[in-house]
PDB file of N, CA and C in Angstrom:
ATOM      1  N   UNK A   1      -1.099   9.314 -48.078  1.00  0.00           N
ATOM      2  CA  UNK A   1      -0.116   8.015 -49.120  1.00  0.00           C
ATOM      3  C   UNK A   1      -0.715   8.597 -50.860  1.00  0.00           C
ATOM      4  N   UNK A   2       0.512   8.515 -51.138  1.00  0.00           N
ATOM      5  CA  UNK A   2       0.364   8.123 -52.563  1.00  0.00           C
ATOM      6  C   UNK A   2      -0.516   7.061 -53.308  1.00  0.00           C
ATOM      7  N   UNK A   3      -0.788   7.946 -54.233  1.00  0.00           N
ATOM      8  CA  UNK A   3      -1.963   7.158 -55.156  1.00  0.00           C
ATOM      9  C   UNK A   3      -1.120   6.997 -56.584  1.00  0.00           C
ATOM     10  N   UNK A   4      -1.091   6.023 -57.168  1.00  0.00           N
ATOM     11  CA  UNK A   4      -0.426   5.909 -58.410  1.00  0.00           C
ATOM     12  C   UNK A   4      -1.832   5.724 -59.740  1.00  0.00           C
ATOM     13  N   UNK A   5      -1.699   6.352 -61.202  1.00  0.00           N
ATOM     14  CA  UNK A   5      -2.796   6.321 -61.965  1.00  0.00           C
ATOM     15  C   UNK A   5      -2.438   4.694 -62.299  1.00  0.00           C
ATOM     16  N   UNK A   6      -3.517   4.412 -63.534  1.00  0.00           N
ATOM     17  CA  UNK A   6      -3.160   3.144 -64.058  1.00  0.00           C
ATOM     18  C   UNK A   6      -2.285   2.913 -64.943  1.00  0.00           C
ATOM     19  N   UNK A   7      -1.888   4.382 -65.721  1.00  0.00           N
ATOM     20  CA  UNK A   7      -1.391   4.396 -66.755  1.00  0.00           C
ATOM     21  C   UNK A   7       0.330   4.366 -65.905  1.00  0.00           C
ATOM     22  N   UNK A   8       0.486   4.925 -64.951  1.00  0.00           N
ATOM     23  CA  UNK A   8       1.842   5.303 -64.491  1.00  0.00           C
ATOM     24  C   UNK A   8       1.835   3.666 -63.460  1.00  0.00           C
ATOM     25  N   UNK A   9       1.214   2.751 -62.862  1.00  0.00           N
ATOM     26  CA  UNK A   9       0.936   1.742 -62.798  1.00  0.00           C
ATOM     27  C   UNK A   9       1.898   0.497 -64.108  1.00  0.00           C
ATOM     28  N   UNK A  10       1.114   0.963 -64.983  1.00  0.00           N
ATOM     29  CA  UNK A  10       1.172   0.143 -66.211  1.00  0.00           C
ATOM     30  C   UNK A  10       2.754   0.309 -66.657  1.00  0.00           C
ATOM     31  N   UNK A  11       3.281   1.834 -66.584  1.00  0.00           N
ATOM     32  CA  UNK A  11       4.404   2.107 -66.812  1.00  0.00           C
ATOM     33  C   UNK A  11       5.648   1.568 -65.785  1.00  0.00           C
ATOM     34  N   UNK A  12       5.436   1.212 -64.296  1.00  0.00           N
ATOM     35  CA  UNK A  12       6.402   0.609 -63.859  1.00  0.00           C
ATOM     36  C   UNK A  12       6.559  -0.490 -64.283  1.00  0.00           C
ATOM     37  N   UNK A  13       5.050  -1.530 -64.355  1.00  0.00           N
ATOM     38  CA  UNK A  13       5.477  -2.658 -64.495  1.00  0.00           C
ATOM     39  C   UNK A  13       6.075  -3.525 -65.815  1.00  0.00           C
ATOM     40  N   UNK A  14       5.653  -2.521 -66.619  1.00  0.00           N
ATOM     41  CA  UNK A  14       6.696  -2.510 -68.376  1.00  0.00           C
ATOM     42  C   UNK A  14       8.325  -2.235 -67.879  1.00  0.00           C
ATOM     43  N   UNK A  15       8.646  -1.307 -67.050  1.00  0.00           N
ATOM     44  CA  UNK A  15       9.707  -1.222 -66.927  1.00  0.00           C
ATOM     45  C   UNK A  15      10.274  -2.216 -66.140  1.00  0.00           C
ATOM     46  N   UNK A  16       9.609  -2.996 -65.015  1.00  0.00           N
ATOM     47  CA  UNK A  16      10.502  -4.617 -64.722  1.00  0.00           C
ATOM     48  C   UNK A  16      10.629  -5.767 -65.764  1.00  0.00           C
ATOM     49  N   UNK A  17      10.445  -5.730 -66.782  1.00  0.00           N
ATOM     50  CA  UNK A  17      10.240  -6.998 -68.130  1.00  0.00           C
ATOM     51  C   UNK A  17      11.337  -6.133 -69.217  1.00  0.00           C
ATOM     52  N   UNK A  18      11.623  -5.212 -69.258  1.00  0.00           N
ATOM     53  CA  UNK A  18      12.596  -4.335 -70.480  1.00  0.00           C
ATOM     54  C   UNK A  18      11.478  -4.143 -71.129  1.00  0.00           C
ATOM     55  N   UNK A  19       9.851  -4.047 -71.419  1.00  0.00           N
ATOM     56  CA  UNK A  19       9.154  -3.423 -72.445  1.00  0.00           C
ATOM     57  C   UNK A  19       9.851  -2.100 -72.803  1.00  0.00           C
ATOM     58  N   UNK A  20      10.068  -1.131 -71.268  1.00  0.00           N
ATOM     59  CA  UNK A  20       9.961   0.417 -71.700  1.00  0.00           C
ATOM     60  C   UNK A  20      11.689   0.393 -72.232  1.00  0.00           C
ATOM     61  N   UNK A  21      12.414  -0.393 -72.173  1.00  0.00           N
ATOM     62  CA  UNK A  21      13.542  -0.454 -72.687  1.00  0.00           C
ATOM     63  C   UNK A  21      15.032  -0.718 -71.845  1.00  0.00           C
ATOM     64  N   UNK A  22      14.057  -0.989 -70.341  1.00  0.00           N
ATOM     65  CA  UNK A  22      15.029  -1.316 -68.996  1.00  0.00           C
ATOM     66  C   UNK A  22      15.182  -2.440 -69.242  1.00  0.00           C
ATOM     67  N   UNK A  23      16.431  -3.176 -68.090  1.00  0.00           N
ATOM     68  CA  UNK A  23      16.863  -3.996 -68.187  1.00  0.00           C
ATOM     69  C   UNK A  23      15.731  -5.129 -67.612  1.00  0.00           C
ATOM     70  N   UNK A  24      15.637  -6.088 -68.175  1.00  0.00           N
ATOM     71  CA  UNK A  24      14.893  -7.440 -67.875  1.00  0.00           C
ATOM     72  C   UNK A  24      14.975  -7.808 -66.155  1.00  0.00           C
ATOM     73  N   UNK A  25      14.001  -7.370 -65.450  1.00  0.00           N
ATOM     74  CA  UNK A  25      14.294  -7.649 -64.327  1.00  0.00           C
ATOM     75  C   UNK A  25      14.025  -8.963 -64.011  1.00  0.00           C
ATOM     76  N   UNK A  26      12.600  -9.544 -64.255  1.00  0.00           N
ATOM     77  CA  UNK A  26      11.569 -10.640 -64.160  1.00  0.00           C
ATOM     78  C   UNK A  26      11.929 -11.610 -65.667  1.00  0.00           C
ATOM     79  N   UNK A  27      12.535 -12.290 -65.525  1.00  0.00           N
ATOM     80  CA  UNK A  27      13.313 -12.960 -67.117  1.00  0.00           C
ATOM     81  C   UNK A  27      12.872 -14.293 -66.475  1.00  0.00           C
ATOM     82  N   UNK A  28      13.133 -14.872 -65.323  1.00  0.00           N
ATOM     83  CA  UNK A  28      13.069 -15.547 -64.859  1.00  0.00           C
ATOM     84  C   UNK A  28      12.215 -16.150 -63.640  1.00  0.00           C
ATOM     85  N   UNK A  29      11.825 -17.107 -63.685  1.00  0.00           N
ATOM     86  CA  UNK A  29      10.339 -17.659 -62.084  1.00  0.00           C
ATOM     87  C   UNK A  29      11.309 -18.583 -61.345  1.00  0.00           C
ATOM     88  N   UNK A  30      10.907 -18.842 -60.331  1.00  0.00           N
ATOM     89  CA  UNK A  30      11.360 -19.773 -58.870  1.00  0.00           C
ATOM     90  C   UNK A  30      10.586 -20.114 -58.419  1.00  0.00           C
ATOM     91  N   UNK A  31      10.574 -21.601 -57.785  1.00  0.00           N
ATOM     92  CA  UNK A  31       9.557 -21.889 -57.121  1.00  0.00           C
ATOM     93  C   UNK A  31       9.986 -21.703 -55.793  1.00  0.00           C
ATOM     94  N   UNK A  32       9.895 -21.828 -54.838  1.00  0.00           N
ATOM     95  CA  UNK A  32      10.022 -21.538 -53.257  1.00  0.00           C
ATOM     96  C   UNK A  32       9.348 -22.380 -52.239  1.00  0.00           C
ATOM     97  N   UNK A  33       9.840 -22.958 -51.350  1.00  0.00           N
ATOM     98  CA  UNK A  33       8.834 -23.749 -50.599  1.00  0.00           C
ATOM     99  C   UNK A  33       8.461 -23.002 -49.170  1.00  0.00           C
ATOM    100  N   UNK A  34       8.932 -21.144 -49.009  1.00  0.00           N
ATOM    101  CA  UNK A  34       7.946 -20.740 -47.947  1.00  0.00           C
ATOM    102  C   UNK A  34       8.326 -19.363 -48.992  1.00  0.00           C
ATOM    103  N   UNK A  35       8.008 -17.951 -48.536  1.00  0.00           N
ATOM    104  CA  UNK A  35       7.694 -17.179 -48.488  1.00  0.00           C
ATOM    105  C   UNK A  35       9.322 -16.567 -49.003  1.00  0.00           C
ATOM    106  N   UNK A  36       9.157 -16.004 -50.281  1.00  0.00           N
ATOM    107  CA  UNK A  36      10.913 -15.320 -50.546  1.00  0.00           C
ATOM    108  C   UNK A  36      11.454 -14.239 -49.823  1.00  0.00           C
ATOM    109  N   UNK A  37      10.402 -13.531 -49.573  1.00  0.00           N
ATOM    110  CA  UNK A  37      10.559 -11.809 -48.922  1.00  0.00           C
ATOM    111  C   UNK A  37      11.137 -11.020 -49.599  1.00  0.00           C
ATOM    112  N   UNK A  38      11.812 -10.505 -49.753  1.00  0.00           N
ATOM    113  CA  UNK A  38      12.503  -9.242 -50.462  1.00  0.00           C
ATOM    114  C   UNK A  38      14.277  -9.692 -51.315  1.00  0.00           C
ATOM    115  N   UNK A  39      14.187 -11.289 -50.526  1.00  0.00           N
ATOM    116  CA  UNK A  39      15.603 -11.737 -51.127  1.00  0.00           C
ATOM    117  C   UNK A  39      15.339 -12.763 -51.651  1.00  0.00           C
ATOM    118  N   UNK A  40      14.505 -13.303 -52.130  1.00  0.00           N
ATOM    119  CA  UNK A  40      14.363 -14.760 -53.139  1.00  0.00           C
ATOM    120  C   UNK A  40      15.061 -15.859 -52.422  1.00  0.00           C
ATOM    121  N   UNK A  41      14.237 -15.518 -50.818  1.00  0.00           N
ATOM    122  CA  UNK A  41      14.753 -16.736 -49.859  1.00  0.00           C
ATOM    123  C   UNK A  41      14.005 -18.080 -50.053  1.00  0.00           C
ATOM    124  N   UNK A  42      14.060 -18.950 -49.768  1.00  0.00           N
ATOM    125  CA  UNK A  42      13.626 -20.687 -49.573  1.00  0.00           C
ATOM    126  C   UNK A  42      13.480 -21.131 -50.447  1.00  0.00           C
ATOM    127  N   UNK A  43      14.091 -20.505 -51.783  1.00  0.00           N
ATOM    128  CA  UNK A  43      13.615 -21.079 -53.244  1.00  0.00           C
ATOM    129  C   UNK A  43      14.334 -22.166 -53.286  1.00  0.00           C
ATOM    130  N   UNK A  44      13.649 -23.094 -54.352  1.00  0.00           N
ATOM    131  CA  UNK A  44      13.939 -24.854 -54.399  1.00  0.00           C
ATOM    132  C   UNK A  44      15.038 -25.082 -55.321  1.00  0.00           C
ATOM    133  N   UNK A  45      16.316 -25.370 -54.668  1.00  0.00           N
ATOM    134  CA  UNK A  45      17.587 -25.496 -55.771  1.00  0.00           C
ATOM    135  C   UNK A  45      17.043 -26.348 -56.444  1.00  0.00           C
ATOM    136  N   UNK A  46      16.429 -27.032 -56.216  1.00  0.00           N
ATOM    137  CA  UNK A  46      15.994 -29.045 -56.904  1.00  0.00           C
ATOM    138  C   UNK A  46      15.172 -28.228 -58.188  1.00  0.00           C
ATOM    139  N   UNK A  47      14.548 -27.397 -58.683  1.00  0.00           N
ATOM    140  CA  UNK A  47      13.359 -26.836 -59.466  1.00  0.00           C
ATOM    141  C   UNK A  47      14.380 -25.912 -60.251  1.00  0.00           C
ATOM    142  N   UNK A  48      15.021 -26.358 -61.399  1.00  0.00           N
ATOM    143  CA  UNK A  48      15.814 -25.260 -62.127  1.00  0.00           C
ATOM    144  C   UNK A  48      14.426 -23.593 -62.838  1.00  0.00           C
ATOM    145  N   UNK A  49      15.086 -22.586 -62.336  1.00  0.00           N
ATOM    146  CA  UNK A  49      14.600 -21.360 -62.794  1.00  0.00           C
ATOM    147  C   UNK A  49      14.069 -21.407 -64.178  1.00  0.00           C
ATOM    148  N   UNK A  50      12.751 -21.442 -64.897  1.00  0.00           N
ATOM    149  CA  UNK A  50      12.212 -21.323 -66.257  1.00  0.00           C
ATOM    150  C   UNK A  50      12.384 -19.707 -67.061  1.00  0.00           C
ATOM    151  N   UNK A  51      12.296 -19.598 -67.859  1.00  0.00           N
ATOM    152  CA  UNK A  51      12.350 -18.247 -68.365  1.00  0.00           C
ATOM    153  C   UNK A  51      11.097 -17.904 -68.863  1.00  0.00           C
ATOM    154  N   UNK A  52      10.650 -16.677 -68.717  1.00  0.00           N
ATOM    155  CA  UNK A  52       8.921 -16.270 -68.746  1.00  0.00           C
ATOM    156  C   UNK A  52       8.974 -15.468 -69.704  1.00  0.00           C
ATOM    157  N   UNK A  53       7.835 -14.899 -70.341  1.00  0.00           N
ATOM    158  CA  UNK A  53       7.250 -13.865 -71.195  1.00  0.00           C
ATOM    159  C   UNK A  53       6.299 -13.110 -70.399  1.00  0.00           C
ATOM    160  N   UNK A  54       6.003 -11.808 -70.523  1.00  0.00           N
ATOM    161  CA  UNK A  54       5.014 -10.957 -70.152  1.00  0.00           C
ATOM    162  C   UNK A  54       4.187 -10.640 -70.877  1.00  0.00           C
ATOM    163  N   UNK A  55       2.998 -10.639 -70.626  1.00  0.00           N
ATOM    164  CA  UNK A  55       1.945  -9.936 -71.322  1.00  0.00           C
ATOM    165  C   UNK A  55       2.165  -8.225 -70.632  1.00  0.00           C
ATOM    166  N   UNK A  56       1.810  -7.412 -71.983  1.00  0.00           N
ATOM    167  CA  UNK A  56       1.949  -6.142 -71.469  1.00  0.00           C
ATOM    168  C   UNK A  56       1.388  -5.063 -70.305  1.00  0.00           C
ATOM    169  N   UNK A  57       1.431  -4.399 -69.859  1.00  0.00           N
ATOM    170  CA  UNK A  57       0.257  -4.676 -68.271  1.00  0.00           C
ATOM    171  C   UNK A  57      -0.409  -3.444 -68.638  1.00  0.00           C
ATOM    172  N   UNK A  58      -1.575  -4.259 -68.137  1.00  0.00           N
ATOM    173  CA  UNK A  58      -3.156  -3.396 -68.474  1.00  0.00           C
ATOM    174  C   UNK A  58      -3.642  -3.279 -67.164  1.00  0.00           C
ATOM    175  N   UNK A  59      -4.175  -2.175 -66.910  1.00  0.00           N
ATOM    176  CA  UNK A  59      -5.058  -2.181 -65.494  1.00  0.00           C
ATOM    177  C   UNK A  59      -4.278  -2.361 -64.231  1.00  0.00           C
ATOM    178  N   UNK A  60      -3.089  -1.667 -64.362  1.00  0.00           N
ATOM    179  CA  UNK A  60      -2.471  -1.451 -63.288  1.00  0.00           C
ATOM    180  C   UNK A  60      -1.605  -2.786 -63.091  1.00  0.00           C
ATOM    181  N   UNK A  61      -1.778  -3.843 -63.846  1.00  0.00           N
ATOM    182  CA  UNK A  61      -1.197  -5.367 -63.664  1.00  0.00           C
ATOM    183  C   UNK A  61      -0.938  -6.257 -65.099  1.00  0.00           C
ATOM    184  N   UNK A  62      -0.105  -7.451 -65.038  1.00  0.00           N
ATOM    185  CA  UNK A  62       0.176  -8.040 -65.513  1.00  0.00           C
ATOM    186  C   UNK A  62       1.126  -8.814 -65.416  1.00  0.00           C
ATOM    187  N   UNK A  63       0.761 -10.355 -66.501  1.00  0.00           N
ATOM    188  CA  UNK A  63       0.785 -11.833 -66.367  1.00  0.00           C
ATOM    189  C   UNK A  63       1.489 -12.666 -66.944  1.00  0.00           C
ATOM    190  N   UNK A  64       1.842 -13.571 -66.672  1.00  0.00           N
ATOM    191  CA  UNK A  64       2.621 -14.439 -67.710  1.00  0.00           C
ATOM    192  C   UNK A  64       1.716 -15.094 -69.019  1.00  0.00           C
ATOM    193  N   UNK A  65       3.094 -14.828 -69.699  1.00  0.00           N
ATOM    194  CA  UNK A  65       2.459 -15.021 -71.398  1.00  0.00           C
ATOM    195  C   UNK A  65       2.798 -16.550 -71.833  1.00  0.00           C
ATOM    196  N   UNK A  66       3.617 -17.199 -71.116  1.00  0.00           N
ATOM    197  CA  UNK A  66       4.109 -18.329 -71.525  1.00  0.00           C
ATOM    198  C   UNK A  66       4.027 -19.447 -70.507  1.00  0.00           C
ATOM    199  N   UNK A  67       3.360 -20.499 -70.658  1.00  0.00           N
ATOM    200  CA  UNK A  67       3.060 -21.600 -69.518  1.00  0.00           C
ATOM    201  C   UNK A  67       4.721 -21.976 -69.314  1.00  0.00           C
ATOM    202  N   UNK A  68       4.961 -22.766 -67.592  1.00  0.00           N
ATOM    203  CA  UNK A  68       5.871 -22.895 -67.513  1.00  0.00           C
ATOM    204  C   UNK A  68       6.292 -23.887 -66.503  1.00  0.00           C
ATOM    205  N   UNK A  69       6.655 -24.882 -66.902  1.00  0.00           N
ATOM    206  CA  UNK A  69       6.951 -26.317 -66.167  1.00  0.00           C
ATOM    207  C   UNK A  69       8.269 -26.658 -65.815  1.00  0.00           C
ATOM    208  N   UNK A  70       8.016 -27.355 -64.604  1.00  0.00           N
ATOM    209  CA  UNK A  70       9.126 -26.869 -63.585  1.00  0.00           C
ATOM    210  C   UNK A  70       9.650 -29.076 -63.063  1.00  0.00           C
ATOM    211  N   UNK A  71      10.315 -29.331 -62.899  1.00  0.00           N
ATOM    212  CA  UNK A  71      10.752 -30.318 -62.719  1.00  0.00           C
ATOM    213  C   UNK A  71      11.440 -30.524 -61.369  1.00  0.00           C
ATOM    214  N   UNK A  72      10.481 -31.195 -60.223  1.00  0.00           N
ATOM    215  CA  UNK A  72      10.807 -31.166 -58.948  1.00  0.00           C
ATOM    216  C   UNK A  72      11.109 -32.830 -58.577  1.00  0.00           C
ATOM    217  N   UNK A  73      12.257 -32.786 -58.667  1.00  0.00           N
ATOM    218  CA  UNK A  73      12.759 -34.385 -58.309  1.00  0.00           C
ATOM    219  C   UNK A  73      13.047 -34.620 -57.145  1.00  0.00           C
ATOM    220  N   UNK A  74      12.543 -33.817 -56.158  1.00  0.00           N
ATOM    221  CA  UNK A  74      12.329 -34.111 -54.777  1.00  0.00           C
ATOM    222  C   UNK A  74      10.843 -34.024 -54.023  1.00  0.00           C
ATOM    223  N   UNK A  75      10.531 -34.044 -52.304  1.00  0.00           N
ATOM    224  CA  UNK A  75       9.296 -33.967 -52.140  1.00  0.00           C
ATOM    225  C   UNK A  75       8.621 -32.705 -51.622  1.00  0.00           C
ATOM    226  N   UNK A  76       9.682 -31.804 -51.645  1.00  0.00           N
ATOM    227  CA  UNK A  76       9.353 -30.221 -51.523  1.00  0.00           C
ATOM    228  C   UNK A  76       8.406 -29.998 -52.143  1.00  0.00           C
ATOM    229  N   UNK A  77       7.032 -29.495 -51.688  1.00  0.00           N
ATOM    230  CA  UNK A  77       6.515 -28.247 -51.590  1.00  0.00           C
ATOM    231  C   UNK A  77       6.537 -26.829 -52.323  1.00  0.00           C
ATOM    232  N   UNK A  78       5.861 -26.491 -53.300  1.00  0.00           N
ATOM    233  CA  UNK A  78       6.102 -25.315 -53.710  1.00  0.00           C
ATOM    234  C   UNK A  78       5.266 -24.642 -53.489  1.00  0.00           C
ATOM    235  N   UNK A  79       5.212 -23.677 -52.440  1.00  0.00           N
ATOM    236  CA  UNK A  79       4.286 -22.574 -52.117  1.00  0.00           C
ATOM    237  C   UNK A  79       4.210 -21.040 -52.677  1.00  0.00           C
ATOM    238  N   UNK A  80       5.298 -20.627 -52.956  1.00  0.00           N
ATOM    239  CA  UNK A  80       5.673 -19.408 -53.622  1.00  0.00           C
ATOM    240  C   UNK A  80       6.080 -19.592 -55.079  1.00  0.00           C
ATOM    241  N   UNK A  81       6.201 -18.299 -55.714  1.00  0.00           N
ATOM    242  CA  UNK A  81       6.894 -18.171 -57.042  1.00  0.00           C
ATOM    243  C   UNK A  81       8.037 -16.903 -56.613  1.00  0.00           C
ATOM    244  N   UNK A  82       8.927 -16.799 -57.188  1.00  0.00           N
ATOM    245  CA  UNK A  82       9.477 -15.820 -57.601  1.00  0.00           C
ATOM    246  C   UNK A  82      10.307 -15.214 -59.110  1.00  0.00           C
ATOM    247  N   UNK A  83      10.771 -13.875 -59.009  1.00  0.00           N
ATOM    248  CA  UNK A  83      11.268 -13.116 -60.215  1.00  0.00           C
ATOM    249  C   UNK A  83      12.674 -13.297 -60.171  1.00  0.00           C
ATOM    250  N   UNK A  84      13.651 -13.171 -61.211  1.00  0.00           N
ATOM    251  CA  UNK A  84      14.712 -12.913 -60.740  1.00  0.00           C
ATOM    252  C   UNK A  84      15.293 -12.474 -62.605  1.00  0.00           C
ATOM    253  N   UNK A  85      16.623 -12.024 -62.798  1.00  0.00           N
ATOM    254  CA  UNK A  85      17.217 -11.649 -63.882  1.00  0.00           C
ATOM    255  C   UNK A  85      18.331 -12.488 -64.547  1.00  0.00           C
ATOM    256  N   UNK A  86      18.245 -13.563 -63.774  1.00  0.00           N
ATOM    257  CA  UNK A  86      19.151 -14.118 -64.232  1.00  0.00           C
ATOM    258  C   UNK A  86      18.700 -16.372 -63.898  1.00  0.00           C
ATOM    259  N   UNK A  87      19.227 -16.740 -64.503  1.00  0.00           N
ATOM    260  CA  UNK A  87      18.670 -18.271 -64.645  1.00  0.00           C
ATOM    261  C   UNK A  87      19.254 -18.812 -63.515  1.00  0.00           C
ATOM    262  N   UNK A  88      20.110 -18.841 -62.608  1.00  0.00           N
ATOM    263  CA  UNK A  88      20.900 -18.743 -61.500  1.00  0.00           C
ATOM    264  C   UNK A  88      21.836 -17.386 -60.928  1.00  0.00           C
ATOM    265  N   UNK A  89      21.818 -17.680 -60.049  1.00  0.00           N
ATOM    266  CA  UNK A  89      22.427 -16.393 -59.254  1.00  0.00           C
ATOM    267  C   UNK A  89      22.220 -15.338 -59.356  1.00  0.00           C
ATOM    268  N   UNK A  90      22.176 -13.728 -59.735  1.00  0.00           N
ATOM    269  CA  UNK A  90      21.758 -12.959 -60.432  1.00  0.00           C
ATOM    270  C   UNK A  90      20.314 -12.694 -59.051  1.00  0.00           C
ATOM    271  N   UNK A  91      19.731 -11.175 -59.537  1.00  0.00           N
ATOM    272  CA  UNK A  91      19.004 -10.207 -58.592  1.00  0.00           C
ATOM    273  C   UNK A  91      17.804 -10.600 -58.045  1.00  0.00           C
ATOM    274  N   UNK A  92      17.287 -11.192 -57.395  1.00  0.00           N
ATOM    275  CA  UNK A  92      15.810 -11.059 -57.039  1.00  0.00           C
ATOM    276  C   UNK A  92      15.202  -9.968 -57.334  1.00  0.00           C
ATOM    277  N   UNK A  93      14.164  -9.666 -57.719  1.00  0.00           N
ATOM    278  CA  UNK A  93      12.912  -8.915 -57.933  1.00  0.00           C
ATOM    279  C   UNK A  93      11.704  -8.704 -56.929  1.00  0.00           C
ATOM    280  N   UNK A  94      10.851 -10.114 -57.483  1.00  0.00           N
ATOM    281  CA  UNK A  94       9.673  -9.904 -56.886  1.00  0.00           C
ATOM    282  C   UNK A  94       9.007 -11.301 -56.672  1.00  0.00           C
ATOM    283  N   UNK A  95       7.268 -11.713 -55.922  1.00  0.00           N
ATOM    284  CA  UNK A  95       7.313 -12.890 -56.019  1.00  0.00           C
ATOM    285  C   UNK A  95       5.790 -13.049 -55.545  1.00  0.00           C
ATOM    286  N   UNK A  96       5.234 -14.241 -55.428  1.00  0.00           N
ATOM    287  CA  UNK A  96       4.064 -14.248 -54.514  1.00  0.00           C
ATOM    288  C   UNK A  96       3.916 -15.564 -54.228  1.00  0.00           C
ATOM    289  N   UNK A  97       2.502 -15.355 -53.837  1.00  0.00           N
ATOM    290  CA  UNK A  97       1.936 -17.102 -53.287  1.00  0.00           C
ATOM    291  C   UNK A  97       1.409 -17.796 -54.326  1.00  0.00           C
ATOM    292  N   UNK A  98       1.611 -19.093 -54.527  1.00  0.00           N
ATOM    293  CA  UNK A  98       1.015 -19.462 -55.722  1.00  0.00           C
ATOM    294  C   UNK A  98      -0.646 -19.830 -55.201  1.00  0.00           C
ATOM    295  N   UNK A  99      -1.701 -20.324 -55.654  1.00  0.00           N
ATOM    296  CA  UNK A  99      -2.948 -20.616 -55.438  1.00  0.00           C
ATOM    297  C   UNK A  99      -3.577 -21.691 -54.383  1.00  0.00           C
ATOM    298  N   UNK A 100      -2.329 -22.357 -54.297  1.00  0.00           N
ATOM    299  CA  UNK A 100      -2.223 -23.709 -53.454  1.00  0.00           C
ATOM    300  C   UNK A 100      -0.749 -24.410 -53.159  1.00  0.00           C
ATOM    301  N   UNK A 101      -0.264 -24.954 -52.448  1.00  0.00           N
ATOM    302  CA  UNK A 101       0.908 -25.687 -52.051  1.00  0.00           C
ATOM    303  C   UNK A 101       0.887 -27.345 -53.316  1.00  0.00           C
ATOM    304  N   UNK A 102       2.151 -26.934 -54.050  1.00  0.00           N
ATOM    305  CA  UNK A 102       2.229 -28.162 -55.130  1.00  0.00           C
ATOM    306  C   UNK A 102       3.494 -29.212 -54.431  1.00  0.00           C
ATOM    307  N   UNK A 103       3.413 -29.807 -54.685  1.00  0.00           N
ATOM    308  CA  UNK A 103       3.882 -31.644 -54.818  1.00  0.00           C
ATOM    309  C   UNK A 103       3.734 -32.436 -56.016  1.00  0.00           C
ATOM    310  N   UNK A 104       4.380 -32.073 -56.939  1.00  0.00           N
ATOM    311  CA  UNK A 104       4.512 -32.655 -57.576  1.00  0.00           C
ATOM    312  C   UNK A 104       5.934 -33.560 -58.859  1.00  0.00           C
ATOM    313  N   UNK A 105       5.722 -34.492 -59.653  1.00  0.00           N
ATOM    314  CA  UNK A 105       7.486 -34.639 -60.208  1.00  0.00           C
ATOM    315  C   UNK A 105       7.468 -33.690 -60.918  1.00  0.00           C
ATOM    316  N   UNK A 106       6.240 -33.009 -61.721  1.00  0.00           N
ATOM    317  CA  UNK A 106       6.129 -31.942 -62.860  1.00  0.00           C
ATOM    318  C   UNK A 106       5.115 -30.579 -62.471  1.00  0.00           C
ATOM    319  N   UNK A 107       5.482 -29.493 -62.040  1.00  0.00           N
ATOM    320  CA  UNK A 107       5.144 -28.580 -61.429  1.00  0.00           C
ATOM    321  C   UNK A 107       4.659 -27.511 -62.463  1.00  0.00           C
ATOM    322  N   UNK A 108       3.408 -27.554 -63.027  1.00  0.00           N
ATOM    323  CA  UNK A 108       2.862 -26.448 -64.170  1.00  0.00           C
ATOM    324  C   UNK A 108       2.413 -25.206 -63.926  1.00  0.00           C
ATOM    325  N   UNK A 109       2.425 -24.349 -64.385  1.00  0.00           N
ATOM    326  CA  UNK A 109       2.178 -22.583 -64.467  1.00  0.00           C
ATOM    327  C   UNK A 109       1.720 -22.457 -65.208  1.00  0.00           C
ATOM    328  N   UNK A 110       0.154 -22.504 -65.662  1.00  0.00           N
ATOM    329  CA  UNK A 110      -0.415 -22.389 -67.197  1.00  0.00           C
ATOM    330  C   UNK A 110      -0.127 -20.874 -67.196  1.00  0.00           C
ATOM    331  N   UNK A 111       0.008 -20.650 -68.572  1.00  0.00           N
ATOM    332  CA  UNK A 111       0.170 -18.799 -69.377  1.00  0.00           C
ATOM    333  C   UNK A 111      -1.155 -17.796 -68.256  1.00  0.00           C
ATOM    334  N   UNK A 112      -0.676 -16.370 -67.872  1.00  0.00           N
ATOM    335  CA  UNK A 112      -2.135 -15.739 -67.190  1.00  0.00           C
ATOM    336  C   UNK A 112      -2.111 -15.796 -65.256  1.00  0.00           C
ATOM    337  N   UNK A 113      -1.235 -17.074 -65.244  1.00  0.00           N
ATOM    338  CA  UNK A 113      -1.476 -17.717 -64.036  1.00  0.00           C
ATOM    339  C   UNK A 113      -0.500 -16.975 -63.010  1.00  0.00           C
ATOM    340  N   UNK A 114       0.291 -16.125 -63.504  1.00  0.00           N
ATOM    341  CA  UNK A 114       1.273 -14.989 -62.383  1.00  0.00           C
ATOM    342  C   UNK A 114       1.090 -14.018 -63.282  1.00  0.00           C
ATOM    343  N   UNK A 115       0.756 -12.917 -61.627  1.00  0.00           N
ATOM    344  CA  UNK A 115       0.068 -11.962 -62.067  1.00  0.00           C
ATOM    345  C   UNK A 115       1.470 -10.934 -60.997  1.00  0.00           C
ATOM    346  N   UNK A 116       1.396  -9.426 -61.533  1.00  0.00           N
ATOM    347  CA  UNK A 116       2.411  -8.602 -61.113  1.00  0.00           C
ATOM    348  C   UNK A 116       1.799  -7.719 -60.966  1.00  0.00           C
ATOM    349  N   UNK A 117       1.425  -6.782 -60.008  1.00  0.00           N
ATOM    350  CA  UNK A 117       0.864  -5.532 -60.182  1.00  0.00           C
ATOM    351  C   UNK A 117       1.492  -4.552 -58.900  1.00  0.00           C
ATOM    352  N   UNK A 118       1.161  -3.433 -59.061  1.00  0.00           N
ATOM    353  CA  UNK A 118       1.549  -2.286 -58.200  1.00  0.00           C
ATOM    354  C   UNK A 118       0.154  -1.840 -57.404  1.00  0.00           C
ATOM    355  N   UNK A 119      -0.073  -1.605 -56.428  1.00  0.00           N
ATOM    356  CA  UNK A 119      -0.415  -0.763 -55.578  1.00  0.00           C
ATOM    357  C   UNK A 119      -0.499  -0.334 -54.272  1.00  0.00           C
TER     358      UNK A 119
END
């Protein structure tokens, strides 16, 4: 199995958000009721995507640099998050599980709470 150095991991992660001059593939965050897989499935259509900024990668990971507030008009629980290159439609990139499932009128994600890493 091939392994990447921290420098290579950082360069790859910085390429996702356009830091390295590429197209920003992780410009928006979505919430999901179940695992989005590799396609962005199970997106909560009632919660519009939020624009996100990212800290520079360090040690093979990067975190969101701004806080996010999602309005949830329904009673669905958000359990996962995903990233996209557009506020609607567009291309899904990567996501992960929230620390815990959340059902609330407003779902807040603090700066530094979302993490992207390569391993």
